[in-house]
N, C-alpha and C. Protein backbone atom coordinates (compact mmCIF):
# COMPACT_ATOMS: atom_id res chain seq x y z
N UNK A 1 64.85 -105.09 90.16
CA UNK A 1 66.18 -104.74 89.65
C UNK A 1 66.90 -105.96 89.10
N UNK A 2 66.19 -107.04 88.87
CA UNK A 2 66.81 -108.22 88.30
C UNK A 2 66.96 -108.11 86.79
N UNK A 3 66.46 -107.02 86.22
CA UNK A 3 66.59 -106.85 84.77
C UNK A 3 68.01 -106.43 84.44
N UNK A 4 68.45 -106.86 83.28
CA UNK A 4 69.75 -106.43 82.79
C UNK A 4 69.52 -105.38 81.71
N UNK A 5 70.24 -104.29 81.83
CA UNK A 5 70.09 -103.20 80.87
C UNK A 5 71.33 -103.11 80.01
N UNK A 6 71.11 -102.76 78.76
CA UNK A 6 72.27 -102.47 77.93
C UNK A 6 72.74 -101.06 78.26
N UNK A 7 73.83 -100.67 77.68
CA UNK A 7 74.44 -99.38 77.99
C UNK A 7 73.48 -98.22 77.71
N UNK A 8 72.79 -98.25 76.58
CA UNK A 8 71.88 -97.18 76.21
C UNK A 8 70.68 -97.12 77.16
N UNK A 9 70.15 -98.27 77.52
CA UNK A 9 69.03 -98.32 78.47
C UNK A 9 69.42 -97.77 79.82
N UNK A 10 70.60 -98.12 80.29
CA UNK A 10 71.10 -97.63 81.57
C UNK A 10 71.29 -96.11 81.54
N UNK A 11 71.84 -95.60 80.44
CA UNK A 11 72.03 -94.15 80.31
C UNK A 11 70.69 -93.42 80.37
N UNK A 12 69.69 -93.96 79.70
CA UNK A 12 68.37 -93.33 79.70
C UNK A 12 67.75 -93.32 81.09
N UNK A 13 67.90 -94.41 81.82
CA UNK A 13 67.36 -94.49 83.19
C UNK A 13 68.04 -93.46 84.08
N UNK A 14 69.36 -93.38 84.00
CA UNK A 14 70.12 -92.43 84.82
C UNK A 14 69.76 -90.99 84.43
N UNK A 15 69.71 -90.68 83.14
CA UNK A 15 69.39 -89.34 82.68
C UNK A 15 67.99 -88.93 83.15
N UNK A 16 67.04 -89.83 83.04
CA UNK A 16 65.67 -89.54 83.47
C UNK A 16 65.61 -89.30 84.98
N UNK A 17 66.31 -90.11 85.75
CA UNK A 17 66.32 -89.95 87.21
C UNK A 17 66.96 -88.63 87.62
N UNK A 18 68.07 -88.29 86.98
CA UNK A 18 68.75 -87.03 87.30
C UNK A 18 67.88 -85.84 86.92
N UNK A 19 67.31 -85.86 85.72
CA UNK A 19 66.44 -84.77 85.28
C UNK A 19 65.24 -84.62 86.20
N UNK A 20 64.65 -85.73 86.58
CA UNK A 20 63.49 -85.71 87.46
C UNK A 20 63.85 -85.10 88.82
N UNK A 21 64.97 -85.52 89.38
CA UNK A 21 65.42 -84.99 90.67
C UNK A 21 65.61 -83.48 90.61
N UNK A 22 66.33 -83.00 89.59
CA UNK A 22 66.63 -81.58 89.50
C UNK A 22 65.41 -80.75 89.12
N UNK A 23 64.48 -81.33 88.38
CA UNK A 23 63.24 -80.62 88.06
C UNK A 23 62.43 -80.39 89.34
N UNK A 24 62.33 -81.42 90.17
CA UNK A 24 61.61 -81.29 91.44
C UNK A 24 62.30 -80.25 92.32
N UNK A 25 63.62 -80.30 92.39
CA UNK A 25 64.37 -79.33 93.21
C UNK A 25 64.20 -77.91 92.68
N UNK A 26 64.25 -77.75 91.35
CA UNK A 26 64.09 -76.43 90.73
C UNK A 26 62.70 -75.86 91.03
N UNK A 27 61.68 -76.67 90.89
CA UNK A 27 60.31 -76.20 91.16
C UNK A 27 60.14 -75.85 92.64
N UNK A 28 60.75 -76.62 93.52
CA UNK A 28 60.68 -76.31 94.96
C UNK A 28 61.40 -75.00 95.25
N UNK A 29 62.55 -74.79 94.63
CA UNK A 29 63.28 -73.53 94.81
C UNK A 29 62.46 -72.35 94.30
N UNK A 30 61.78 -72.53 93.20
CA UNK A 30 60.95 -71.46 92.63
C UNK A 30 59.83 -71.06 93.57
N UNK A 31 59.30 -72.02 94.30
CA UNK A 31 58.23 -71.72 95.27
C UNK A 31 58.77 -70.91 96.44
N UNK A 32 60.03 -71.12 96.79
CA UNK A 32 60.63 -70.43 97.94
C UNK A 32 61.13 -69.03 97.60
N UNK A 33 61.53 -68.81 96.37
CA UNK A 33 62.16 -67.55 95.98
C UNK A 33 61.11 -66.52 95.56
N UNK A 34 61.08 -65.41 96.24
CA UNK A 34 60.10 -64.37 95.91
C UNK A 34 60.39 -63.74 94.55
N UNK A 35 61.64 -63.77 94.12
CA UNK A 35 61.99 -63.18 92.83
C UNK A 35 61.45 -63.98 91.66
N UNK A 36 61.10 -65.24 91.90
CA UNK A 36 60.60 -66.10 90.82
C UNK A 36 59.09 -66.29 90.87
N UNK A 37 58.40 -65.39 91.57
CA UNK A 37 56.95 -65.56 91.73
C UNK A 37 56.19 -65.41 90.41
N UNK A 38 56.75 -64.71 89.43
CA UNK A 38 56.06 -64.53 88.15
C UNK A 38 56.35 -65.64 87.15
N UNK A 39 57.26 -66.52 87.50
CA UNK A 39 57.67 -67.60 86.60
C UNK A 39 56.67 -68.75 86.65
N UNK A 40 56.19 -69.16 85.49
CA UNK A 40 55.28 -70.31 85.41
C UNK A 40 56.08 -71.59 85.63
N UNK A 41 55.59 -72.42 86.52
CA UNK A 41 56.29 -73.68 86.82
C UNK A 41 55.83 -74.80 85.89
N UNK A 42 54.82 -74.55 85.06
CA UNK A 42 54.21 -75.57 84.22
C UNK A 42 55.20 -76.25 83.29
N UNK A 43 55.99 -75.50 82.59
CA UNK A 43 56.95 -76.06 81.64
C UNK A 43 58.38 -75.95 82.14
N UNK A 44 58.54 -75.89 83.43
CA UNK A 44 59.86 -75.74 84.02
C UNK A 44 60.46 -77.12 84.25
N UNK A 45 61.18 -77.60 83.26
CA UNK A 45 61.79 -78.92 83.33
C UNK A 45 63.25 -78.84 82.91
N UNK A 46 64.08 -79.64 83.54
CA UNK A 46 65.49 -79.70 83.17
C UNK A 46 65.58 -80.21 81.74
N UNK A 47 66.38 -79.52 80.94
CA UNK A 47 66.56 -79.92 79.55
C UNK A 47 65.55 -79.30 78.60
N UNK A 48 64.64 -78.48 79.12
CA UNK A 48 63.62 -77.85 78.28
C UNK A 48 63.74 -76.34 78.44
N UNK A 49 63.88 -75.63 77.32
CA UNK A 49 64.03 -74.18 77.40
C UNK A 49 62.69 -73.52 77.64
N UNK A 50 62.74 -72.37 78.27
CA UNK A 50 61.53 -71.60 78.55
C UNK A 50 61.02 -70.98 77.25
N UNK A 51 59.74 -70.69 77.24
CA UNK A 51 59.09 -70.10 76.07
C UNK A 51 59.76 -68.80 75.61
N UNK A 52 60.31 -68.03 76.54
CA UNK A 52 61.00 -66.79 76.18
C UNK A 52 62.12 -67.08 75.18
N UNK A 53 62.90 -68.13 75.45
CA UNK A 53 64.03 -68.46 74.58
C UNK A 53 63.59 -69.22 73.34
N UNK A 54 62.48 -69.93 73.43
CA UNK A 54 61.98 -70.68 72.27
C UNK A 54 61.42 -69.78 71.18
N UNK A 55 61.03 -68.57 71.53
CA UNK A 55 60.35 -67.70 70.57
C UNK A 55 61.27 -66.68 69.91
N UNK A 56 62.57 -66.81 70.08
CA UNK A 56 63.47 -65.83 69.46
C UNK A 56 64.36 -66.49 68.42
N UNK A 57 64.83 -65.66 67.51
CA UNK A 57 65.84 -66.13 66.56
C UNK A 57 67.20 -65.81 67.18
N UNK A 58 68.26 -66.12 66.48
CA UNK A 58 69.60 -65.87 67.03
C UNK A 58 70.07 -64.45 66.76
N UNK A 59 69.22 -63.61 66.24
CA UNK A 59 69.56 -62.22 65.98
C UNK A 59 69.86 -61.50 67.30
N UNK A 60 70.87 -60.66 67.28
CA UNK A 60 71.27 -59.91 68.48
C UNK A 60 70.11 -59.07 69.00
N UNK A 61 69.35 -58.49 68.10
CA UNK A 61 68.21 -57.65 68.47
C UNK A 61 67.21 -58.43 69.32
N UNK A 62 66.87 -59.63 68.89
CA UNK A 62 65.88 -60.44 69.61
C UNK A 62 66.45 -61.01 70.90
N UNK A 63 67.72 -61.32 70.90
CA UNK A 63 68.36 -61.83 72.13
C UNK A 63 68.36 -60.73 73.19
N UNK A 64 68.64 -59.49 72.80
CA UNK A 64 68.62 -58.37 73.76
C UNK A 64 67.23 -58.20 74.37
N UNK A 65 66.21 -58.29 73.51
CA UNK A 65 64.84 -58.17 74.01
C UNK A 65 64.52 -59.31 74.98
N UNK A 66 64.97 -60.50 74.65
CA UNK A 66 64.72 -61.66 75.51
C UNK A 66 65.45 -61.51 76.84
N UNK A 67 66.66 -60.99 76.82
CA UNK A 67 67.43 -60.79 78.05
C UNK A 67 66.67 -59.84 78.98
N UNK A 68 66.10 -58.78 78.41
CA UNK A 68 65.34 -57.82 79.22
C UNK A 68 64.18 -58.51 79.92
N UNK A 69 63.39 -59.27 79.18
CA UNK A 69 62.21 -59.90 79.79
C UNK A 69 62.61 -61.02 80.74
N UNK A 70 63.72 -61.70 80.47
CA UNK A 70 64.19 -62.75 81.39
C UNK A 70 64.64 -62.12 82.71
N UNK A 71 65.27 -60.97 82.65
CA UNK A 71 65.64 -60.28 83.89
C UNK A 71 64.40 -59.92 84.70
N UNK A 72 63.37 -59.46 84.00
CA UNK A 72 62.12 -59.15 84.69
C UNK A 72 61.49 -60.42 85.27
N UNK A 73 61.52 -61.48 84.50
CA UNK A 73 60.93 -62.76 84.89
C UNK A 73 61.63 -63.38 86.10
N UNK A 74 62.94 -63.22 86.16
CA UNK A 74 63.71 -63.84 87.24
C UNK A 74 63.96 -62.90 88.42
N UNK A 75 63.41 -61.69 88.36
CA UNK A 75 63.55 -60.77 89.48
C UNK A 75 64.91 -60.12 89.57
N UNK A 76 65.66 -60.09 88.47
CA UNK A 76 66.99 -59.48 88.50
C UNK A 76 67.03 -58.17 87.70
N UNK A 77 65.90 -57.69 87.25
CA UNK A 77 65.84 -56.41 86.55
C UNK A 77 65.97 -55.32 87.61
N UNK A 78 66.96 -54.46 87.48
CA UNK A 78 67.31 -53.52 88.53
C UNK A 78 66.33 -52.33 88.58
N UNK A 79 65.46 -52.38 89.56
CA UNK A 79 64.52 -51.30 89.83
C UNK A 79 64.83 -50.74 91.21
N UNK A 80 64.22 -49.62 91.55
CA UNK A 80 64.51 -48.97 92.83
C UNK A 80 64.22 -49.91 94.01
N UNK A 81 63.14 -50.66 93.94
CA UNK A 81 62.81 -51.56 95.06
C UNK A 81 63.87 -52.64 95.23
N UNK A 82 64.49 -53.07 94.15
CA UNK A 82 65.56 -54.07 94.24
C UNK A 82 66.85 -53.43 94.76
N UNK A 83 67.12 -52.20 94.36
CA UNK A 83 68.30 -51.50 94.85
C UNK A 83 68.24 -51.31 96.36
N UNK A 84 67.04 -51.04 96.88
CA UNK A 84 66.87 -50.86 98.32
C UNK A 84 67.25 -52.14 99.07
N UNK A 85 66.88 -53.30 98.52
CA UNK A 85 67.17 -54.58 99.17
C UNK A 85 68.66 -54.85 99.27
N UNK A 86 69.42 -54.46 98.24
CA UNK A 86 70.82 -54.85 98.16
C UNK A 86 71.81 -53.74 98.48
N UNK A 87 71.33 -52.56 98.78
CA UNK A 87 72.22 -51.44 99.03
C UNK A 87 72.07 -51.01 100.48
N UNK A 88 73.19 -50.84 101.15
CA UNK A 88 73.15 -50.45 102.55
C UNK A 88 72.96 -48.94 102.71
N UNK A 89 73.24 -48.19 101.68
CA UNK A 89 73.03 -46.75 101.73
C UNK A 89 71.53 -46.48 101.61
N UNK A 90 71.13 -45.32 102.04
CA UNK A 90 69.72 -44.96 101.96
C UNK A 90 69.34 -44.68 100.51
N UNK A 91 68.49 -45.54 99.97
CA UNK A 91 67.99 -45.37 98.62
C UNK A 91 66.48 -45.31 98.70
N UNK A 92 65.91 -44.36 98.02
CA UNK A 92 64.47 -44.19 98.00
C UNK A 92 63.86 -45.15 96.98
N UNK A 93 62.91 -46.00 97.39
CA UNK A 93 62.31 -46.95 96.45
C UNK A 93 61.32 -46.31 95.48
N UNK A 94 61.05 -45.02 95.67
CA UNK A 94 60.10 -44.32 94.81
C UNK A 94 60.63 -44.24 93.38
N UNK A 95 59.73 -44.35 92.44
CA UNK A 95 60.10 -44.27 91.02
C UNK A 95 60.79 -42.93 90.76
N UNK A 96 62.02 -42.94 90.25
CA UNK A 96 62.75 -41.69 90.02
C UNK A 96 62.18 -40.88 88.85
N UNK A 97 61.32 -41.49 88.07
CA UNK A 97 60.77 -40.81 86.90
C UNK A 97 59.49 -40.06 87.24
N UNK A 98 58.52 -40.76 87.85
CA UNK A 98 57.23 -40.11 88.14
C UNK A 98 57.10 -39.67 89.60
N UNK A 99 57.89 -40.27 90.48
CA UNK A 99 57.89 -39.96 91.92
C UNK A 99 56.52 -40.15 92.58
N UNK A 100 55.71 -41.07 92.04
CA UNK A 100 54.36 -41.30 92.58
C UNK A 100 54.27 -42.50 93.50
N UNK A 101 54.97 -43.57 93.19
CA UNK A 101 54.92 -44.78 94.01
C UNK A 101 56.21 -45.55 93.86
N UNK A 102 56.34 -46.62 94.63
CA UNK A 102 57.55 -47.44 94.58
C UNK A 102 57.74 -48.00 93.18
N UNK A 103 58.99 -47.97 92.72
CA UNK A 103 59.28 -48.48 91.38
C UNK A 103 59.53 -49.98 91.46
N UNK A 104 58.48 -50.74 91.27
CA UNK A 104 58.60 -52.19 91.14
C UNK A 104 58.15 -52.56 89.73
N UNK A 105 58.19 -53.83 89.43
CA UNK A 105 57.86 -54.28 88.07
C UNK A 105 56.43 -53.95 87.69
N UNK A 106 55.53 -54.12 88.63
CA UNK A 106 54.13 -53.82 88.38
C UNK A 106 53.95 -52.34 88.03
N UNK A 107 54.59 -51.47 88.78
CA UNK A 107 54.51 -50.03 88.51
C UNK A 107 55.11 -49.71 87.14
N UNK A 108 56.28 -50.26 86.88
CA UNK A 108 56.98 -49.99 85.62
C UNK A 108 56.13 -50.38 84.41
N UNK A 109 55.54 -51.56 84.45
CA UNK A 109 54.83 -52.08 83.28
C UNK A 109 53.38 -51.64 83.17
N UNK A 110 52.76 -51.24 84.28
CA UNK A 110 51.32 -50.99 84.20
C UNK A 110 50.84 -49.61 84.63
N UNK A 111 51.62 -48.87 85.40
CA UNK A 111 51.04 -47.63 85.91
C UNK A 111 51.91 -46.38 85.83
N UNK A 112 53.19 -46.49 85.58
CA UNK A 112 54.04 -45.29 85.53
C UNK A 112 53.60 -44.41 84.36
N UNK A 113 53.25 -43.15 84.64
CA UNK A 113 52.75 -42.27 83.58
C UNK A 113 53.79 -41.98 82.48
N UNK A 114 55.05 -42.17 82.77
CA UNK A 114 56.09 -41.89 81.77
C UNK A 114 56.00 -42.82 80.56
N UNK A 115 55.35 -43.96 80.74
CA UNK A 115 55.27 -44.94 79.65
C UNK A 115 53.85 -45.07 79.10
N UNK A 116 53.03 -44.07 79.38
CA UNK A 116 51.62 -44.11 78.97
C UNK A 116 51.46 -44.31 77.47
N UNK A 117 52.26 -43.62 76.67
CA UNK A 117 52.11 -43.74 75.21
C UNK A 117 52.47 -45.14 74.71
N UNK A 118 53.44 -45.78 75.35
CA UNK A 118 53.81 -47.16 74.97
C UNK A 118 52.67 -48.11 75.35
N UNK A 119 52.12 -47.90 76.56
CA UNK A 119 50.99 -48.73 76.98
C UNK A 119 49.80 -48.54 76.05
N UNK A 120 49.56 -47.32 75.67
CA UNK A 120 48.40 -47.02 74.83
C UNK A 120 48.48 -47.75 73.50
N UNK A 121 49.64 -47.76 72.89
CA UNK A 121 49.76 -48.39 71.57
C UNK A 121 50.07 -49.88 71.68
N UNK A 122 51.11 -50.25 72.38
CA UNK A 122 51.56 -51.65 72.37
C UNK A 122 50.76 -52.56 73.30
N UNK A 123 50.41 -52.08 74.49
CA UNK A 123 49.63 -52.96 75.35
C UNK A 123 48.24 -53.18 74.77
N UNK A 124 47.71 -52.16 74.13
CA UNK A 124 46.39 -52.30 73.51
C UNK A 124 46.39 -53.43 72.48
N UNK A 125 47.48 -53.57 71.74
CA UNK A 125 47.59 -54.67 70.77
C UNK A 125 47.58 -56.03 71.47
N UNK A 126 48.29 -56.12 72.58
CA UNK A 126 48.33 -57.37 73.35
C UNK A 126 46.94 -57.69 73.87
N UNK A 127 46.30 -56.70 74.44
CA UNK A 127 44.95 -56.89 75.00
C UNK A 127 43.98 -57.35 73.91
N UNK A 128 43.99 -56.67 72.77
CA UNK A 128 43.08 -57.04 71.68
C UNK A 128 43.33 -58.46 71.21
N UNK A 129 44.59 -58.85 71.13
CA UNK A 129 44.92 -60.21 70.70
C UNK A 129 44.41 -61.24 71.71
N UNK A 130 44.66 -60.99 72.99
CA UNK A 130 44.22 -61.93 74.03
C UNK A 130 42.69 -62.01 74.05
N UNK A 131 42.02 -60.86 73.96
CA UNK A 131 40.56 -60.84 73.96
C UNK A 131 40.01 -61.63 72.77
N UNK A 132 40.69 -61.53 71.63
CA UNK A 132 40.23 -62.28 70.45
C UNK A 132 40.33 -63.79 70.66
N UNK A 133 41.19 -64.21 71.58
CA UNK A 133 41.37 -65.65 71.85
C UNK A 133 40.53 -66.15 73.02
N UNK A 134 40.23 -65.27 73.98
CA UNK A 134 39.49 -65.73 75.17
C UNK A 134 38.07 -65.18 75.25
N UNK A 135 37.78 -64.12 74.52
CA UNK A 135 36.45 -63.52 74.54
C UNK A 135 36.39 -62.28 75.40
N UNK A 136 35.46 -61.39 75.05
CA UNK A 136 35.30 -60.11 75.76
C UNK A 136 34.91 -60.28 77.22
N UNK A 137 34.14 -61.29 77.53
CA UNK A 137 33.65 -61.44 78.90
C UNK A 137 34.72 -61.98 79.85
N UNK A 138 35.72 -62.68 79.32
CA UNK A 138 36.75 -63.30 80.17
C UNK A 138 37.80 -62.28 80.61
N UNK A 139 38.12 -61.32 79.76
CA UNK A 139 39.16 -60.33 80.07
C UNK A 139 38.90 -59.59 81.38
N UNK A 140 37.74 -58.91 81.55
CA UNK A 140 37.56 -58.12 82.77
C UNK A 140 37.54 -58.95 84.06
N UNK A 141 37.20 -60.20 83.95
CA UNK A 141 37.16 -61.06 85.14
C UNK A 141 38.57 -61.44 85.58
N UNK A 142 39.43 -61.77 84.62
CA UNK A 142 40.76 -62.32 84.94
C UNK A 142 41.90 -61.32 84.86
N UNK A 143 41.69 -60.20 84.19
CA UNK A 143 42.77 -59.23 84.04
C UNK A 143 42.32 -57.88 84.60
N UNK A 144 41.73 -57.91 85.78
CA UNK A 144 41.18 -56.70 86.39
C UNK A 144 42.15 -56.02 87.36
N UNK A 145 43.37 -56.51 87.46
CA UNK A 145 44.35 -55.88 88.35
C UNK A 145 45.67 -55.69 87.62
N UNK A 146 46.45 -54.75 88.11
CA UNK A 146 47.77 -54.52 87.51
C UNK A 146 48.68 -55.72 87.69
N UNK A 147 48.50 -56.47 88.79
CA UNK A 147 49.32 -57.66 89.01
C UNK A 147 49.02 -58.72 87.95
N UNK A 148 47.76 -58.91 87.62
CA UNK A 148 47.38 -59.90 86.59
C UNK A 148 47.95 -59.50 85.23
N UNK A 149 47.92 -58.22 84.94
CA UNK A 149 48.46 -57.74 83.66
C UNK A 149 49.98 -57.92 83.65
N UNK A 150 50.63 -57.65 84.77
CA UNK A 150 52.08 -57.87 84.87
C UNK A 150 52.41 -59.34 84.63
N UNK A 151 51.64 -60.23 85.23
CA UNK A 151 51.85 -61.67 85.03
C UNK A 151 51.69 -62.05 83.56
N UNK A 152 50.68 -61.49 82.91
CA UNK A 152 50.45 -61.77 81.49
C UNK A 152 51.64 -61.32 80.66
N UNK A 153 52.14 -60.14 80.94
CA UNK A 153 53.26 -59.58 80.17
C UNK A 153 54.55 -60.35 80.40
N UNK A 154 54.79 -60.80 81.60
CA UNK A 154 56.05 -61.44 81.95
C UNK A 154 56.08 -62.91 81.58
N UNK A 155 55.01 -63.64 81.87
CA UNK A 155 54.96 -65.07 81.54
C UNK A 155 53.51 -65.50 81.36
N UNK A 156 53.04 -65.44 80.12
CA UNK A 156 51.64 -65.75 79.82
C UNK A 156 51.28 -67.21 80.11
N UNK A 157 52.28 -68.07 80.28
CA UNK A 157 52.04 -69.48 80.58
C UNK A 157 51.24 -69.66 81.88
N UNK A 158 51.36 -68.71 82.78
CA UNK A 158 50.65 -68.79 84.05
C UNK A 158 49.14 -68.86 83.83
N UNK A 159 48.66 -68.24 82.77
CA UNK A 159 47.22 -68.22 82.50
C UNK A 159 46.76 -69.49 81.79
N UNK A 160 47.69 -70.25 81.25
CA UNK A 160 47.36 -71.58 80.73
C UNK A 160 47.13 -72.50 81.92
N UNK A 161 47.97 -72.37 82.95
CA UNK A 161 47.83 -73.18 84.17
C UNK A 161 46.46 -72.98 84.80
N UNK A 162 45.93 -71.76 84.69
CA UNK A 162 44.64 -71.42 85.30
C UNK A 162 43.47 -71.65 84.34
N UNK A 163 43.76 -72.19 83.16
CA UNK A 163 42.75 -72.46 82.13
C UNK A 163 42.05 -71.19 81.64
N UNK A 164 42.78 -70.09 81.59
CA UNK A 164 42.25 -68.83 81.07
C UNK A 164 42.67 -68.67 79.61
N UNK A 165 43.94 -68.92 79.33
CA UNK A 165 44.44 -68.92 77.96
C UNK A 165 44.47 -70.35 77.43
N UNK A 166 44.21 -70.52 76.13
CA UNK A 166 44.30 -71.87 75.57
C UNK A 166 45.75 -72.34 75.51
N UNK A 167 45.96 -73.63 75.66
CA UNK A 167 47.30 -74.20 75.59
C UNK A 167 47.65 -74.44 74.12
N UNK A 168 47.88 -73.33 73.42
CA UNK A 168 48.16 -73.36 71.99
C UNK A 168 49.50 -72.67 71.76
N UNK A 169 50.46 -73.39 71.21
CA UNK A 169 51.82 -72.84 71.04
C UNK A 169 51.84 -71.54 70.24
N UNK A 170 51.05 -71.47 69.19
CA UNK A 170 51.07 -70.26 68.34
C UNK A 170 50.50 -69.05 69.09
N UNK A 171 49.44 -69.27 69.84
CA UNK A 171 48.86 -68.17 70.62
C UNK A 171 49.85 -67.70 71.68
N UNK A 172 50.43 -68.64 72.41
CA UNK A 172 51.39 -68.29 73.46
C UNK A 172 52.63 -67.63 72.87
N UNK A 173 53.07 -68.11 71.73
CA UNK A 173 54.24 -67.53 71.06
C UNK A 173 53.95 -66.08 70.66
N UNK A 174 52.76 -65.84 70.12
CA UNK A 174 52.40 -64.48 69.70
C UNK A 174 52.33 -63.54 70.90
N UNK A 175 51.69 -63.98 71.98
CA UNK A 175 51.62 -63.15 73.19
C UNK A 175 53.02 -62.89 73.73
N UNK A 176 53.84 -63.92 73.73
CA UNK A 176 55.22 -63.79 74.21
C UNK A 176 55.99 -62.76 73.38
N UNK A 177 55.87 -62.83 72.07
CA UNK A 177 56.61 -61.90 71.21
C UNK A 177 56.11 -60.47 71.39
N UNK A 178 54.81 -60.28 71.47
CA UNK A 178 54.25 -58.93 71.68
C UNK A 178 54.65 -58.39 73.05
N UNK A 179 54.63 -59.24 74.06
CA UNK A 179 55.01 -58.83 75.41
C UNK A 179 56.49 -58.48 75.48
N UNK A 180 57.30 -59.27 74.80
CA UNK A 180 58.74 -59.01 74.79
C UNK A 180 59.02 -57.64 74.16
N UNK A 181 58.36 -57.33 73.06
CA UNK A 181 58.53 -56.02 72.43
C UNK A 181 58.08 -54.90 73.36
N UNK A 182 56.94 -55.09 74.00
CA UNK A 182 56.40 -54.10 74.93
C UNK A 182 57.38 -53.84 76.09
N UNK A 183 57.84 -54.90 76.72
CA UNK A 183 58.76 -54.75 77.86
C UNK A 183 60.07 -54.11 77.43
N UNK A 184 60.54 -54.47 76.24
CA UNK A 184 61.80 -53.90 75.77
C UNK A 184 61.64 -52.41 75.46
N UNK A 185 60.51 -52.02 74.89
CA UNK A 185 60.28 -50.59 74.63
C UNK A 185 60.26 -49.80 75.93
N UNK A 186 59.62 -50.33 76.94
CA UNK A 186 59.60 -49.65 78.24
C UNK A 186 61.01 -49.59 78.82
N UNK A 187 61.73 -50.70 78.71
CA UNK A 187 63.12 -50.74 79.19
C UNK A 187 63.97 -49.66 78.49
N UNK A 188 63.86 -49.57 77.18
CA UNK A 188 64.67 -48.59 76.43
C UNK A 188 64.28 -47.16 76.80
N UNK A 189 63.00 -46.91 76.95
CA UNK A 189 62.53 -45.58 77.35
C UNK A 189 63.07 -45.26 78.75
N UNK A 190 63.03 -46.23 79.65
CA UNK A 190 63.54 -46.03 81.01
C UNK A 190 65.03 -45.71 80.98
N UNK A 191 65.78 -46.43 80.16
CA UNK A 191 67.22 -46.19 80.06
C UNK A 191 67.49 -44.79 79.51
N UNK A 192 66.71 -44.36 78.54
CA UNK A 192 66.89 -43.01 77.98
C UNK A 192 66.56 -41.92 79.00
N UNK A 193 65.50 -42.13 79.76
CA UNK A 193 65.10 -41.12 80.75
C UNK A 193 66.09 -41.04 81.90
N UNK A 194 66.53 -42.20 82.39
CA UNK A 194 67.42 -42.21 83.55
C UNK A 194 68.90 -42.10 83.17
N UNK A 195 69.19 -42.12 81.88
CA UNK A 195 70.57 -42.02 81.37
C UNK A 195 71.48 -43.08 81.96
N UNK A 196 70.97 -44.29 82.08
CA UNK A 196 71.78 -45.40 82.62
C UNK A 196 72.59 -46.01 81.52
């Protein structure tokens, strides 16, 4: 510490130390919070926006779609299972639309029969795009569960961490945009059905 810093050098040292401290704290908090289990910690740094926000324009339409997927990503998208946690009255966690299983994010995005036509058209496009980038043999090994598909739809960066998807901005951006459209279509259909 015998070095003398000019004002700009000192500011950079302080900014870096503060950012580093809060990045470590943020990542530790993400590990503790069950609502953030789908969030990729790879690019989670103070001062750096998440890929969801990097892939949109300032158009109201795209911001609305991004808000929907961010709510899903952060565990604040209001589903029956979340209502049960925060409501003291008796609320049934079963999906109010299909009444087959608990309405959680995985059910909403991958198995609720009410959204079958959206899955058939839009998810198929996502799957075909991902398969074109990783190969036919890799898909069934890594995306063989509804949870893995939910993770892909919510934050595809998680599969870069596992070396399944290539760390290519254009590929990730395309998957992010297709996933955002898919999630928003399901959200809009859900709002229409439940009249919320």
